[in-house]
């Protein structure tokens, strides 16, 4: 695994660059790409992966490997 995606990356940027991560974000409960509030003020002002994961009580050490595996085609 190359660890392309890191916690400080913006979720929207990751989704644009790696659309294959959409399912992973959704499976972890981060429906940011499909959220009707996207583009408006979100409950979480920080749009990076780590801040969103922390806000929703997700473990970054589980989310990041899953995102990178999706990018690596695993």
C-alpha atoms as a PDB file:
ATOM      1  CA  UNK A   1       0.000   0.000   0.000  1.00  0.00           C
ATOM      2  CA  UNK A   2       1.364   3.415  -0.966  1.00  0.00           C
ATOM      3  CA  UNK A   3      -0.557   5.518   1.595  1.00  0.00           C
ATOM      4  CA  UNK A   4      -1.605   8.122  -0.932  1.00  0.00           C
ATOM      5  CA  UNK A   5      -4.479   9.436   1.176  1.00  0.00           C
ATOM      6  CA  UNK A   6      -3.727  11.118   4.503  1.00  0.00           C
ATOM      7  CA  UNK A   7      -5.908  12.565   7.239  1.00  0.00           C
ATOM      8  CA  UNK A   8      -5.097  16.163   6.401  1.00  0.00           C
ATOM      9  CA  UNK A   9      -6.547  15.851   2.892  1.00  0.00           C
ATOM     10  CA  UNK A  10      -9.865  17.506   1.998  1.00  0.00           C
ATOM     11  CA  UNK A  11     -12.651  14.966   1.458  1.00  0.00           C
ATOM     12  CA  UNK A  12     -13.968  16.720  -1.656  1.00  0.00           C
ATOM     13  CA  UNK A  13     -10.505  16.748  -3.213  1.00  0.00           C
ATOM     14  CA  UNK A  14     -10.050  13.049  -2.480  1.00  0.00           C
ATOM     15  CA  UNK A  15     -13.432  12.216  -4.009  1.00  0.00           C
ATOM     16  CA  UNK A  16     -12.628  14.196  -7.147  1.00  0.00           C
ATOM     17  CA  UNK A  17      -9.203  12.636  -7.567  1.00  0.00           C
ATOM     18  CA  UNK A  18     -10.146   9.127  -6.416  1.00  0.00           C
ATOM     19  CA  UNK A  19     -13.859   8.532  -7.070  1.00  0.00           C
ATOM     20  CA  UNK A  20     -13.390   4.891  -6.076  1.00  0.00           C
ATOM     21  CA  UNK A  21     -13.213   6.094  -2.446  1.00  0.00           C
ATOM     22  CA  UNK A  22     -16.881   7.145  -2.431  1.00  0.00           C
ATOM     23  CA  UNK A  23     -18.038   3.680  -1.330  1.00  0.00           C
ATOM     24  CA  UNK A  24     -15.464   3.580   1.460  1.00  0.00           C
ATOM     25  CA  UNK A  25     -16.516   6.963   2.826  1.00  0.00           C
ATOM     26  CA  UNK A  26     -20.151   5.848   2.711  1.00  0.00           C
ATOM     27  CA  UNK A  27     -19.427   2.516   4.381  1.00  0.00           C
ATOM     28  CA  UNK A  28     -17.875   4.409   7.301  1.00  0.00           C
ATOM     29  CA  UNK A  29     -20.897   6.708   7.526  1.00  0.00           C
ATOM     30  CA  UNK A  30     -19.280   9.708   5.855  1.00  0.00           C
ATOM     31  CA  UNK A  31     -21.847  10.551   3.225  1.00  0.00           C
ATOM     32  CA  UNK A  32     -20.224  13.893   2.443  1.00  0.00           C
ATOM     33  CA  UNK A  33     -20.249  13.347  -1.296  1.00  0.00           C
ATOM     34  CA  UNK A  34     -23.983  12.745  -1.302  1.00  0.00           C
ATOM     35  CA  UNK A  35     -24.903  15.167   1.454  1.00  0.00           C
ATOM     36  CA  UNK A  36     -27.542  17.719   0.502  1.00  0.00           C
ATOM     37  CA  UNK A  37     -25.781  20.251   2.759  1.00  0.00           C
ATOM     38  CA  UNK A  38     -22.499  20.031   0.852  1.00  0.00           C
ATOM     39  CA  UNK A  39     -21.622  23.471  -0.397  1.00  0.00           C
ATOM     40  CA  UNK A  40     -23.350  25.044   2.598  1.00  0.00           C
ATOM     41  CA  UNK A  41     -22.051  25.385   6.136  1.00  0.00           C
ATOM     42  CA  UNK A  42     -21.492  21.913   7.461  1.00  0.00           C
ATOM     43  CA  UNK A  43     -21.688  20.858  11.089  1.00  0.00           C
ATOM     44  CA  UNK A  44     -17.942  20.388  10.785  1.00  0.00           C
ATOM     45  CA  UNK A  45     -16.187  23.499   9.553  1.00  0.00           C
ATOM     46  CA  UNK A  46     -13.028  21.549   8.761  1.00  0.00           C
ATOM     47  CA  UNK A  47     -13.341  19.557   5.559  1.00  0.00           C
ATOM     48  CA  UNK A  48     -10.299  17.340   6.072  1.00  0.00           C
ATOM     49  CA  UNK A  49     -10.664  13.604   6.620  1.00  0.00           C
ATOM     50  CA  UNK A  50      -9.222  13.612  10.149  1.00  0.00           C
ATOM     51  CA  UNK A  51     -11.570  16.347  11.411  1.00  0.00           C
ATOM     52  CA  UNK A  52     -14.639  14.684   9.939  1.00  0.00           C
ATOM     53  CA  UNK A  53     -13.608  11.288  11.282  1.00  0.00           C
ATOM     54  CA  UNK A  54     -13.060  12.767  14.741  1.00  0.00           C
ATOM     55  CA  UNK A  55     -16.405  14.574  14.662  1.00  0.00           C
ATOM     56  CA  UNK A  56     -18.259  11.376  13.773  1.00  0.00           C
ATOM     57  CA  UNK A  57     -16.269   9.208  16.200  1.00  0.00           C
ATOM     58  CA  UNK A  58     -14.518   7.182  13.520  1.00  0.00           C
ATOM     59  CA  UNK A  59     -11.115   5.583  13.836  1.00  0.00           C
ATOM     60  CA  UNK A  60      -8.723   7.167  11.377  1.00  0.00           C
ATOM     61  CA  UNK A  61      -6.423   4.136  11.632  1.00  0.00           C
ATOM     62  CA  UNK A  62      -9.220   2.049  10.085  1.00  0.00           C
ATOM     63  CA  UNK A  63     -10.551   4.607   7.589  1.00  0.00           C
ATOM     64  CA  UNK A  64      -7.251   5.595   5.952  1.00  0.00           C
ATOM     65  CA  UNK A  65      -6.125   2.028   5.143  1.00  0.00           C
ATOM     66  CA  UNK A  66      -9.554   1.319   3.639  1.00  0.00           C
ATOM     67  CA  UNK A  67      -9.382   4.453   1.487  1.00  0.00           C
ATOM     68  CA  UNK A  68      -5.874   3.631   0.318  1.00  0.00           C
ATOM     69  CA  UNK A  69      -6.834   0.028  -0.433  1.00  0.00           C
ATOM     70  CA  UNK A  70      -9.639   1.327  -2.649  1.00  0.00           C
ATOM     71  CA  UNK A  71      -7.178   3.531  -4.499  1.00  0.00           C
ATOM     72  CA  UNK A  72      -4.755   0.624  -4.833  1.00  0.00           C
ATOM     73  CA  UNK A  73      -7.563  -1.486  -6.311  1.00  0.00           C
ATOM     74  CA  UNK A  74      -7.729  -3.964  -3.440  1.00  0.00           C
END
